[in-house]
Amino acid sequence: MNTSRKQFIKAAVLGGVGASLAAESASVTVCNPLLRTPLSLIIDDSCPVINKAYYWIKQRHEWRLRHAPDKPGSGWERHFDKLDKMPNTIPSAFAAKWGEWCGEQGVRGKFSMVPFPAGVGRIDRGFDGFPKNELRDWLRVTKEIIWQNFDLTPEMLTHTRVVDLKTWQLTDAWEQGEWVDPPVELLTDYITTAMQLLKNVGITCEGVTSPGAFGKKKESAYARAVLDAALRVNKNPQPFYFLHMKLSAKELPDVPLWHVDNANGRAVASIIGCAGDWFGATGFDTANADLFITEDLRGGRLPSVLEKERPCILVGHWPCFYVNDGPGFKVLKEVKRRLDAYDPDRTKTLWMKNSEIGHYWMARTLSDIKVESADRVQIQTKFPTRNFTLGLDVAAKRVKVDKRDLWQVSSRRDFRAGTFLVEGRRTFLAFDLPTGKTTVTMIKEGS
């Protein structure tokens, strides 16, 4: 498939049931990874040293007084009267504490690193007015602790005012507001610059985060720009971006793929959040664990998404985890406790980075899977992934992937890459799928 045939595709196989390919009496189903539903935590507005919310509110208020003084403040600007209660910095020591807790709890996802936050300073040049060692410590924490469990992405350059790339001066346009429909030719340069600033400090990003509605009116061009920038800066042919949220009970998230080029192994995954920022946003907004999942584990947004076996992506904004005594951190801990109670034996859910979800959906959607006989399946792909999971409608007593025997396990709790599990007349197997051709062979019970 190429982009001339279709600009984007939605992943055809979303739930654990999957879609089957059959030949004679044999069929194969691509399942969710390890038969578990992906969970992921997106952290937006995060950046080194500064509290971006403080500067966003301040800059937006000043902009409105200049350009629309008769229009009341909206959104985060409503908190302008609380600026004296908001620190303009979030220390690296807190970032380390937060990142270590996530690592201990197995929480994975995406963490933004705005490279020129609010125009205060470039991540590769420093922040005037702040201790020089604080940026150094922030980068150490980001790379040594947070990066272990979270993709790191730019949230474009400033997440406030648009930067003139020729002069590096801030303009009066806003990345997430007025600048939702930029000239197409500028998109790639702008995203490339954001990625390059991160690369300058040793951070190779797997994708990008849209500040608000950045690029939303030209999403095809935006997705193309993400792909081109990722190839240009990091030689990454399979990036992701986060732009959309689906919060209605009538909407279920999916993983749309844009600009698929199977011949060259290229595609862009759109990661879609399913739960709004009920962690508290700026630290002064709604913070309520029940909106995610209630104490009885039945209500809230997350159970309804998990029951449909769709990628369950939580979204929060970095300031609320620290500002105003950190309501977001308290809610995150409670939500994690309830999710653990929802899945006590860890057989229903799997915490994943955004890039891991994107890669899995590319592999399950774009791989060429052929059932050659009742005991042989061929997979051809240019989209590798971990924990690739298949369901077969036979009870196998032995399974090989290429020349390697898989180890049989007796329960879903023990099911992991390199193993197979027999449940009744079905066999599930999981393995890391490489680029190229993979052959699965089985010996059935009774053979």
Protein backbone atom coordinates (compact mmCIF):
# COMPACT_ATOMS: atom_id res chain seq x y z
CA MET A 1 0.00 0.00 0.00
CA ASN A 2 1.25 3.47 -0.73
CA THR A 3 0.01 6.97 -0.03
CA SER A 4 -1.35 7.42 -3.54
CA ARG A 5 -3.82 4.62 -2.80
CA LYS A 6 -4.89 5.91 0.59
CA GLN A 7 -3.62 8.69 2.81
CA PHE A 8 -4.17 6.83 6.06
CA ILE A 9 -5.67 3.64 7.37
CA LYS A 10 -7.15 2.68 10.70
CA ALA A 11 -5.77 -0.41 12.31
CA ALA A 12 -8.00 -3.21 11.13
CA VAL A 13 -7.41 -5.34 14.20
CA LEU A 14 -8.09 -3.51 17.46
CA GLY A 15 -9.43 -5.89 20.06
CA GLY A 16 -8.20 -9.15 21.49
CA VAL A 17 -10.49 -11.04 19.14
CA GLY A 18 -8.66 -9.70 16.11
CA ALA A 19 -9.11 -10.68 12.50
CA SER A 20 -8.52 -14.16 11.17
CA LEU A 21 -6.80 -15.47 8.10
CA ALA A 22 -7.81 -18.98 7.14
CA ALA A 23 -6.76 -21.84 4.89
CA GLU A 24 -8.61 -25.14 4.98
CA SER A 25 -9.06 -26.02 8.68
CA ALA A 26 -6.40 -23.68 10.03
CA SER A 27 -6.73 -20.02 10.90
CA VAL A 28 -4.58 -17.41 12.61
CA THR A 29 -5.69 -14.36 14.57
CA VAL A 30 -3.52 -11.36 15.42
CA CYS A 31 -4.24 -10.58 19.07
CA ASN A 32 -3.37 -7.79 21.45
CA PRO A 33 0.21 -8.06 22.73
CA LEU A 34 0.49 -10.98 25.16
CA LEU A 35 -3.36 -11.09 25.13
CA ARG A 36 -3.34 -7.90 27.20
CA THR A 37 -4.82 -4.45 26.50
CA PRO A 38 -2.22 -1.70 26.18
CA LEU A 39 -2.14 0.96 28.90
CA SER A 40 -0.08 4.12 28.51
CA LEU A 41 0.40 7.43 30.33
CA ILE A 42 0.95 10.61 28.31
CA ILE A 43 2.53 13.56 30.12
CA ASP A 44 2.18 16.87 28.26
CA ASP A 45 3.66 20.32 28.91
CA SER A 46 6.72 18.81 30.54
CA CYS A 47 10.07 20.48 29.97
CA PRO A 48 13.34 21.00 31.80
CA VAL A 49 13.75 23.54 34.58
CA ILE A 50 10.69 25.76 34.07
CA ASN A 51 7.01 25.38 34.88
CA LYS A 52 5.57 25.90 31.43
CA ALA A 53 2.06 26.56 32.76
CA TYR A 54 3.31 29.60 34.67
CA TYR A 55 4.78 31.16 31.52
CA TRP A 56 1.88 30.14 29.29
CA ILE A 57 -0.63 31.87 31.57
CA LYS A 58 1.55 34.95 31.88
CA GLN A 59 2.26 35.25 28.14
CA ARG A 60 -1.33 34.54 27.14
CA HIS A 61 -2.63 37.16 29.55
CA GLU A 62 -0.20 39.76 28.21
CA TRP A 63 -1.12 38.84 24.62
CA ARG A 64 -4.85 39.20 25.31
CA LEU A 65 -4.41 42.62 26.91
CA ARG A 66 -2.59 43.77 23.76
CA HIS A 67 -4.82 42.17 21.14
CA ALA A 68 -8.23 41.47 22.71
CA PRO A 69 -8.58 43.48 25.92
CA ASP A 70 -12.39 43.36 25.80
CA LYS A 71 -12.44 39.58 25.57
CA PRO A 72 -12.45 37.69 28.90
CA GLY A 73 -9.66 35.25 29.61
CA SER A 74 -10.34 31.58 28.94
CA GLY A 75 -8.68 28.24 29.47
CA TRP A 76 -5.62 28.31 31.67
CA GLU A 77 -5.51 32.10 31.55
CA ARG A 78 -8.36 32.04 34.06
CA HIS A 79 -5.70 31.19 36.64
CA PHE A 80 -3.77 34.43 36.11
CA ASP A 81 -4.74 35.50 39.63
CA LYS A 82 -2.99 32.42 40.99
CA LEU A 83 0.44 33.09 39.45
CA ASP A 84 1.79 34.13 42.84
CA LYS A 85 0.95 30.61 44.05
CA MET A 86 2.64 28.92 41.07
CA PRO A 87 6.38 28.36 41.05
CA ASN A 88 8.06 29.27 37.76
CA THR A 89 10.27 26.20 38.04
CA ILE A 90 9.87 22.48 38.73
CA PRO A 91 13.06 20.99 40.19
CA SER A 92 14.95 18.06 38.75
CA ALA A 93 14.84 16.36 42.16
CA PHE A 94 11.06 16.12 41.85
CA ALA A 95 11.33 14.81 38.29
CA ALA A 96 13.65 12.09 39.59
CA LYS A 97 11.20 11.19 42.38
CA TRP A 98 8.31 11.02 39.92
CA GLY A 99 10.26 9.03 37.34
CA GLU A 100 11.53 6.54 39.91
CA TRP A 101 8.00 5.94 41.19
CA CYS A 102 6.75 5.27 37.66
CA GLY A 103 9.63 2.85 37.09
CA GLU A 104 8.90 0.99 40.32
CA GLN A 105 5.20 0.76 39.44
CA GLY A 106 5.77 -0.33 35.84
CA VAL A 107 4.06 2.75 34.40
CA ARG A 108 5.10 3.50 30.82
CA GLY A 109 4.10 6.07 28.23
CA LYS A 110 5.23 9.39 26.71
CA PHE A 111 6.88 12.42 28.37
CA SER A 112 7.18 15.70 26.50
CA MET A 113 10.40 17.71 26.53
CA VAL A 114 9.49 21.11 25.10
CA PRO A 115 12.87 22.17 23.61
CA PHE A 116 12.45 25.98 23.79
CA PRO A 117 9.82 26.20 26.53
CA ALA A 118 7.86 29.46 26.37
CA GLY A 119 10.92 30.96 24.67
CA VAL A 120 12.67 31.16 28.06
CA GLY A 121 15.70 29.22 26.85
CA ARG A 122 16.83 26.53 24.46
CA ILE A 123 17.40 23.10 25.89
CA ASP A 124 20.79 22.99 24.15
CA ARG A 125 21.93 26.45 25.31
CA GLY A 126 20.58 26.99 28.79
CA PHE A 127 18.09 29.11 30.70
CA ASP A 128 19.13 32.58 31.78
CA GLY A 129 18.13 33.37 35.34
CA PHE A 130 18.20 29.75 36.49
CA PRO A 131 21.14 27.80 37.96
CA LYS A 132 23.23 26.26 35.19
CA ASN A 133 23.54 22.98 37.06
CA GLU A 134 19.73 22.62 37.16
CA LEU A 135 19.49 22.07 33.39
CA ARG A 136 22.36 19.61 33.60
CA ASP A 137 20.61 17.72 36.40
CA TRP A 138 17.30 17.81 34.54
CA LEU A 139 18.85 16.27 31.44
CA ARG A 140 20.54 13.59 33.53
CA VAL A 141 17.25 12.66 35.22
CA THR A 142 15.39 12.71 31.90
CA LYS A 143 17.85 10.43 30.15
CA GLU A 144 18.76 8.11 33.02
CA ILE A 145 15.39 7.71 34.75
CA ILE A 146 12.36 8.94 32.78
CA TRP A 147 13.55 7.75 29.35
CA GLN A 148 13.69 4.16 30.59
CA ASN A 149 9.90 3.97 30.64
CA PHE A 150 8.69 6.91 28.56
CA ASP A 151 9.20 8.07 25.00
CA LEU A 152 10.61 11.59 24.93
CA THR A 153 9.10 13.94 22.37
CA PRO A 154 9.16 17.63 21.57
CA GLU A 155 5.84 19.36 22.05
CA MET A 156 6.97 21.56 19.21
CA LEU A 157 9.27 24.42 20.08
CA THR A 158 7.72 26.62 22.78
CA HIS A 159 4.16 25.41 23.38
CA THR A 160 3.32 29.10 23.62
CA ARG A 161 4.18 31.59 20.88
CA VAL A 162 5.40 30.55 17.43
CA VAL A 163 9.12 31.03 16.78
CA ASP A 164 10.50 32.73 13.69
CA LEU A 165 13.10 30.15 12.67
CA LYS A 166 15.22 32.80 10.91
CA THR A 167 15.58 35.11 13.90
CA TRP A 168 14.63 32.87 16.84
CA GLN A 169 12.28 35.62 18.01
CA LEU A 170 8.80 34.88 19.32
CA THR A 171 5.93 36.02 17.12
CA ASP A 172 2.38 36.93 18.15
CA ALA A 173 0.98 33.69 16.73
CA TRP A 174 0.38 30.73 19.05
CA GLU A 175 1.47 27.17 18.34
CA GLN A 176 -1.65 25.56 19.76
CA GLY A 177 -4.12 28.31 18.97
CA GLU A 178 -3.92 30.61 15.98
CA TRP A 179 -1.20 28.56 14.30
CA VAL A 180 -3.37 25.53 13.59
CA ASP A 181 -3.17 25.99 9.82
CA PRO A 182 0.45 26.87 8.97
CA PRO A 183 1.93 26.82 5.46
CA VAL A 184 2.59 23.20 4.61
CA GLU A 185 6.22 23.82 3.68
CA LEU A 186 6.90 25.30 7.12
CA LEU A 187 5.63 22.29 9.06
CA THR A 188 8.54 20.00 8.32
CA ASP A 189 11.14 22.67 9.07
CA TYR A 190 9.45 23.56 12.34
CA ILE A 191 9.14 19.94 13.51
CA THR A 192 12.66 19.15 12.31
CA THR A 193 14.02 22.04 14.39
CA ALA A 194 12.19 20.79 17.49
CA MET A 195 13.58 17.28 17.03
CA GLN A 196 17.07 18.59 16.33
CA LEU A 197 17.23 20.61 19.54
CA LEU A 198 16.51 17.43 21.50
CA LYS A 199 19.09 15.52 19.50
CA ASN A 200 21.62 18.25 20.31
CA VAL A 201 21.42 17.19 23.97
CA GLY A 202 21.46 13.46 23.25
CA ILE A 203 17.73 12.75 23.09
CA THR A 204 16.57 10.78 20.04
CA CYS A 205 12.81 11.21 19.98
CA GLU A 206 10.42 8.53 18.71
CA GLY A 207 7.72 10.99 17.69
CA VAL A 208 6.13 14.32 18.54
CA THR A 209 3.33 15.78 20.62
CA SER A 210 1.01 18.43 19.23
CA PRO A 211 0.64 21.49 21.43
CA GLY A 212 -3.15 21.76 21.43
CA ALA A 213 -4.51 21.78 17.89
CA PHE A 214 -1.13 22.24 16.21
CA GLY A 215 -1.44 21.05 12.60
CA LYS A 216 -5.01 19.78 13.11
CA LYS A 217 -6.53 21.49 10.06
CA LYS A 218 -3.95 19.89 7.76
CA GLU A 219 -3.51 16.55 9.47
CA SER A 220 -2.35 14.70 6.37
CA ALA A 221 0.35 17.30 5.78
CA TYR A 222 1.16 17.32 9.48
CA ALA A 223 1.56 13.53 9.60
CA ARG A 224 3.77 13.71 6.51
CA ALA A 225 5.88 16.41 8.13
CA VAL A 226 6.32 14.25 11.24
CA LEU A 227 7.52 11.35 9.09
CA ASP A 228 9.85 13.50 7.00
CA ALA A 229 11.30 15.22 10.06
CA ALA A 230 11.81 11.88 11.84
CA LEU A 231 13.65 10.52 8.81
CA ARG A 232 15.71 13.67 8.44
CA VAL A 233 16.82 13.99 12.06
CA ASN A 234 16.76 10.47 13.47
CA LYS A 235 16.44 8.17 10.44
CA ASN A 236 13.21 6.88 11.99
CA PRO A 237 10.74 5.51 9.40
CA GLN A 238 7.99 4.64 11.90
CA PRO A 239 7.30 7.61 14.22
CA PHE A 240 4.11 8.53 16.08
CA TYR A 241 2.32 11.70 17.04
CA PHE A 242 -0.21 12.58 19.73
CA LEU A 243 -2.93 15.03 18.67
CA HIS A 244 -6.41 13.63 19.34
CA MET A 245 -8.55 12.71 22.34
CA LYS A 246 -11.70 10.56 22.38
CA LEU A 247 -13.49 11.13 25.67
CA SER A 248 -17.12 10.38 24.88
CA ALA A 249 -18.63 7.11 26.05
CA LYS A 250 -19.77 6.66 22.43
CA GLU A 251 -16.21 6.91 21.12
CA LEU A 252 -13.51 4.27 21.31
CA PRO A 253 -9.86 5.00 20.60
CA ASP A 254 -8.01 3.38 17.75
CA VAL A 255 -4.55 3.74 16.16
CA PRO A 256 -4.86 5.31 12.69
CA LEU A 257 -1.84 4.88 10.43
CA TRP A 258 -0.89 7.59 7.94
CA HIS A 259 1.28 7.61 4.82
CA VAL A 260 1.83 3.88 4.73
CA ASP A 261 4.68 2.84 2.44
CA ASN A 262 4.94 -0.91 2.83
CA ALA A 263 7.76 -1.27 0.33
CA ASN A 264 10.04 0.96 2.40
CA GLY A 265 8.68 0.11 5.84
CA ARG A 266 7.35 3.59 6.53
CA ALA A 267 4.24 4.73 8.37
CA VAL A 268 3.11 7.23 11.00
CA ALA A 269 0.92 6.20 13.95
CA SER A 270 -1.61 8.56 15.51
CA ILE A 271 -1.80 7.83 19.23
CA ILE A 272 -5.21 8.81 20.61
CA GLY A 273 -5.91 9.57 24.25
CA CYS A 274 -9.08 8.17 25.82
CA ALA A 275 -9.02 9.84 29.25
CA GLY A 276 -8.79 13.59 29.80
CA ASP A 277 -6.56 15.44 32.21
CA TRP A 278 -8.34 14.67 35.43
CA PHE A 279 -5.01 14.86 37.26
CA GLY A 280 -5.38 18.61 37.75
CA ALA A 281 -3.67 20.21 34.69
CA THR A 282 -2.10 23.39 36.11
CA GLY A 283 -2.45 22.20 39.68
CA PHE A 284 -5.63 24.27 40.09
CA ASP A 285 -8.00 22.31 37.85
CA THR A 286 -10.19 19.22 38.33
CA ALA A 287 -8.30 16.32 39.92
CA ASN A 288 -10.49 13.26 40.46
CA ALA A 289 -9.47 9.60 40.31
CA ASP A 290 -13.12 8.55 39.94
CA LEU A 291 -13.24 10.07 36.46
CA PHE A 292 -10.59 7.52 35.44
CA ILE A 293 -11.82 4.52 37.44
CA THR A 294 -14.14 4.42 40.44
CA GLU A 295 -13.38 2.68 43.71
CA ASP A 296 -15.66 -0.24 42.77
CA LEU A 297 -13.63 -0.61 39.52
CA ARG A 298 -16.76 -0.39 37.36
CA GLY A 299 -17.23 3.31 36.64
CA GLY A 300 -15.08 5.98 35.04
CA ARG A 301 -13.63 6.08 31.56
CA LEU A 302 -10.97 3.38 31.80
CA PRO A 303 -13.08 0.24 32.43
CA SER A 304 -15.28 0.91 29.39
CA VAL A 305 -12.22 1.20 27.13
CA LEU A 306 -10.44 -1.78 28.68
CA GLU A 307 -13.53 -3.97 28.31
CA LYS A 308 -13.42 -3.30 24.56
CA GLU A 309 -9.71 -4.18 24.55
CA ARG A 310 -8.72 -0.88 22.92
CA PRO A 311 -5.48 0.99 23.70
CA CYS A 312 -6.16 2.84 26.94
CA ILE A 313 -4.17 6.09 26.95
CA LEU A 314 -4.33 8.39 29.99
CA VAL A 315 -3.34 12.04 29.53
CA GLY A 316 -1.99 14.45 32.15
CA HIS A 317 -0.12 17.77 32.24
CA TRP A 318 3.18 17.93 34.06
CA PRO A 319 2.59 20.99 36.30
CA CYS A 320 -0.19 19.35 38.33
CA PHE A 321 2.12 16.62 39.58
CA TYR A 322 4.15 19.23 41.49
CA VAL A 323 2.28 22.55 41.74
CA ASN A 324 -0.20 23.22 44.60
CA ASP A 325 1.03 20.24 46.62
CA GLY A 326 0.85 17.94 43.60
CA PRO A 327 -2.79 16.87 43.24
CA GLY A 328 -1.88 15.05 40.02
CA PHE A 329 0.64 12.79 41.72
CA LYS A 330 -1.91 11.82 44.37
CA VAL A 331 -4.52 11.00 41.71
CA LEU A 332 -1.99 9.03 39.63
CA LYS A 333 -1.08 6.90 42.63
CA GLU A 334 -4.75 6.20 43.36
CA VAL A 335 -5.56 5.40 39.72
CA LYS A 336 -2.61 3.01 39.59
CA ARG A 337 -3.79 1.32 42.80
CA ARG A 338 -7.25 0.83 41.33
CA LEU A 339 -5.90 -0.45 38.01
CA ASP A 340 -3.84 -2.99 39.94
CA ALA A 341 -7.02 -4.10 41.71
CA TYR A 342 -8.83 -4.27 38.34
CA ASP A 343 -6.08 -6.57 37.02
CA PRO A 344 -4.59 -8.28 40.08
CA ASP A 345 -2.80 -11.09 38.24
CA ARG A 346 -1.57 -8.81 35.39
CA THR A 347 -3.28 -10.83 32.66
CA LYS A 348 -5.60 -8.11 31.32
CA THR A 349 -3.39 -5.07 30.82
CA LEU A 350 0.13 -4.21 29.68
CA TRP A 351 1.85 -0.85 30.21
CA MET A 352 3.55 0.29 26.99
CA LYS A 353 5.31 3.32 25.60
CA ASN A 354 3.46 5.24 22.85
CA SER A 355 6.06 4.13 20.31
CA GLU A 356 5.57 0.48 21.30
CA ILE A 357 1.83 0.78 20.70
CA GLY A 358 2.46 2.44 17.33
CA HIS A 359 4.93 -0.25 16.27
CA TYR A 360 2.59 -3.05 17.34
CA TRP A 361 -0.34 -1.63 15.38
CA MET A 362 1.85 -1.23 12.33
CA ALA A 363 2.97 -4.84 12.59
CA ARG A 364 -0.52 -6.26 13.15
CA THR A 365 -2.05 -4.17 10.36
CA LEU A 366 0.68 -4.07 7.72
CA SER A 367 2.39 -7.47 7.97
CA ASP A 368 1.65 -10.03 5.26
CA ILE A 369 0.44 -13.17 7.05
CA LYS A 370 -0.22 -16.34 5.04
CA VAL A 371 -1.54 -19.65 6.32
CA GLU A 372 0.31 -22.08 4.07
CA SER A 373 -1.05 -25.25 5.62
CA ALA A 374 -2.73 -26.57 8.74
CA ASP A 375 0.59 -26.44 10.58
CA ARG A 376 2.56 -23.64 8.90
CA VAL A 377 2.22 -19.83 8.86
CA GLN A 378 4.45 -17.36 7.03
CA ILE A 379 4.81 -13.73 8.11
CA GLN A 380 6.53 -11.13 5.96
CA THR A 381 7.00 -7.65 7.38
CA LYS A 382 9.02 -4.46 7.41
CA PHE A 383 7.38 -3.41 10.66
CA PRO A 384 9.11 -5.19 13.56
CA THR A 385 7.62 -5.25 17.04
CA ARG A 386 7.95 -6.90 20.42
CA ASN A 387 5.49 -9.42 21.89
CA PHE A 388 3.76 -10.17 18.59
CA THR A 389 0.88 -12.45 19.54
CA LEU A 390 -1.04 -14.90 17.38
CA GLY A 391 -4.00 -17.16 18.10
CA LEU A 392 -4.30 -20.45 16.21
CA ASP A 393 -7.37 -22.68 16.07
CA VAL A 394 -5.42 -25.83 16.86
CA ALA A 395 -4.21 -27.40 20.08
CA ALA A 396 -0.45 -27.63 19.59
CA LYS A 397 2.00 -29.74 21.54
CA ARG A 398 5.00 -28.06 19.96
CA VAL A 399 5.52 -24.65 18.29
CA LYS A 400 8.57 -23.32 16.46
CA VAL A 401 9.26 -19.80 15.25
CA ASP A 402 11.84 -20.19 12.51
CA LYS A 403 14.30 -22.65 14.10
CA ARG A 404 13.54 -21.79 17.72
CA ASP A 405 11.19 -23.83 19.88
CA LEU A 406 8.80 -21.84 22.03
CA TRP A 407 8.41 -22.81 25.67
CA GLN A 408 4.94 -23.99 26.68
CA VAL A 409 3.34 -22.26 29.69
CA SER A 410 0.18 -23.23 31.54
CA SER A 411 -1.37 -19.84 32.37
CA ARG A 412 -1.85 -16.37 30.91
CA ARG A 413 0.11 -14.94 33.81
CA ASP A 414 3.23 -16.74 32.54
CA PHE A 415 2.55 -15.94 28.89
CA ARG A 416 5.33 -13.79 27.41
CA ALA A 417 7.49 -13.53 24.30
CA GLY A 418 9.09 -16.88 23.48
CA THR A 419 6.22 -18.97 24.85
CA PHE A 420 2.96 -20.60 23.76
CA LEU A 421 -0.22 -21.33 25.66
CA VAL A 422 -2.92 -23.90 24.89
CA GLU A 423 -6.48 -23.13 25.98
CA GLY A 424 -8.95 -25.80 24.91
CA ARG A 425 -8.61 -26.18 21.14
CA ARG A 426 -6.73 -22.90 20.67
CA THR A 427 -3.04 -22.10 20.86
CA PHE A 428 -1.62 -18.65 21.53
CA LEU A 429 1.99 -17.83 20.83
CA ALA A 430 4.10 -14.72 21.38
CA PHE A 431 7.48 -13.72 20.00
CA ASP A 432 9.44 -10.67 18.97
CA LEU A 433 8.73 -10.11 15.28
CA PRO A 434 11.79 -9.12 13.24
CA THR A 435 11.98 -7.45 9.86
CA GLY A 436 11.80 -9.96 7.01
CA LYS A 437 10.29 -13.42 6.86
CA THR A 438 9.22 -15.43 9.89
CA THR A 439 7.94 -19.00 9.75
CA VAL A 440 5.70 -20.52 12.42
CA THR A 441 5.33 -24.30 12.44
CA MET A 442 3.25 -26.48 14.78
CA ILE A 443 2.86 -30.07 15.75
CA LYS A 444 -0.72 -30.66 16.84
CA GLU A 445 -1.92 -32.76 19.72
CA GLY A 446 -2.48 -36.29 18.55
CA SER A 447 0.04 -36.03 15.70
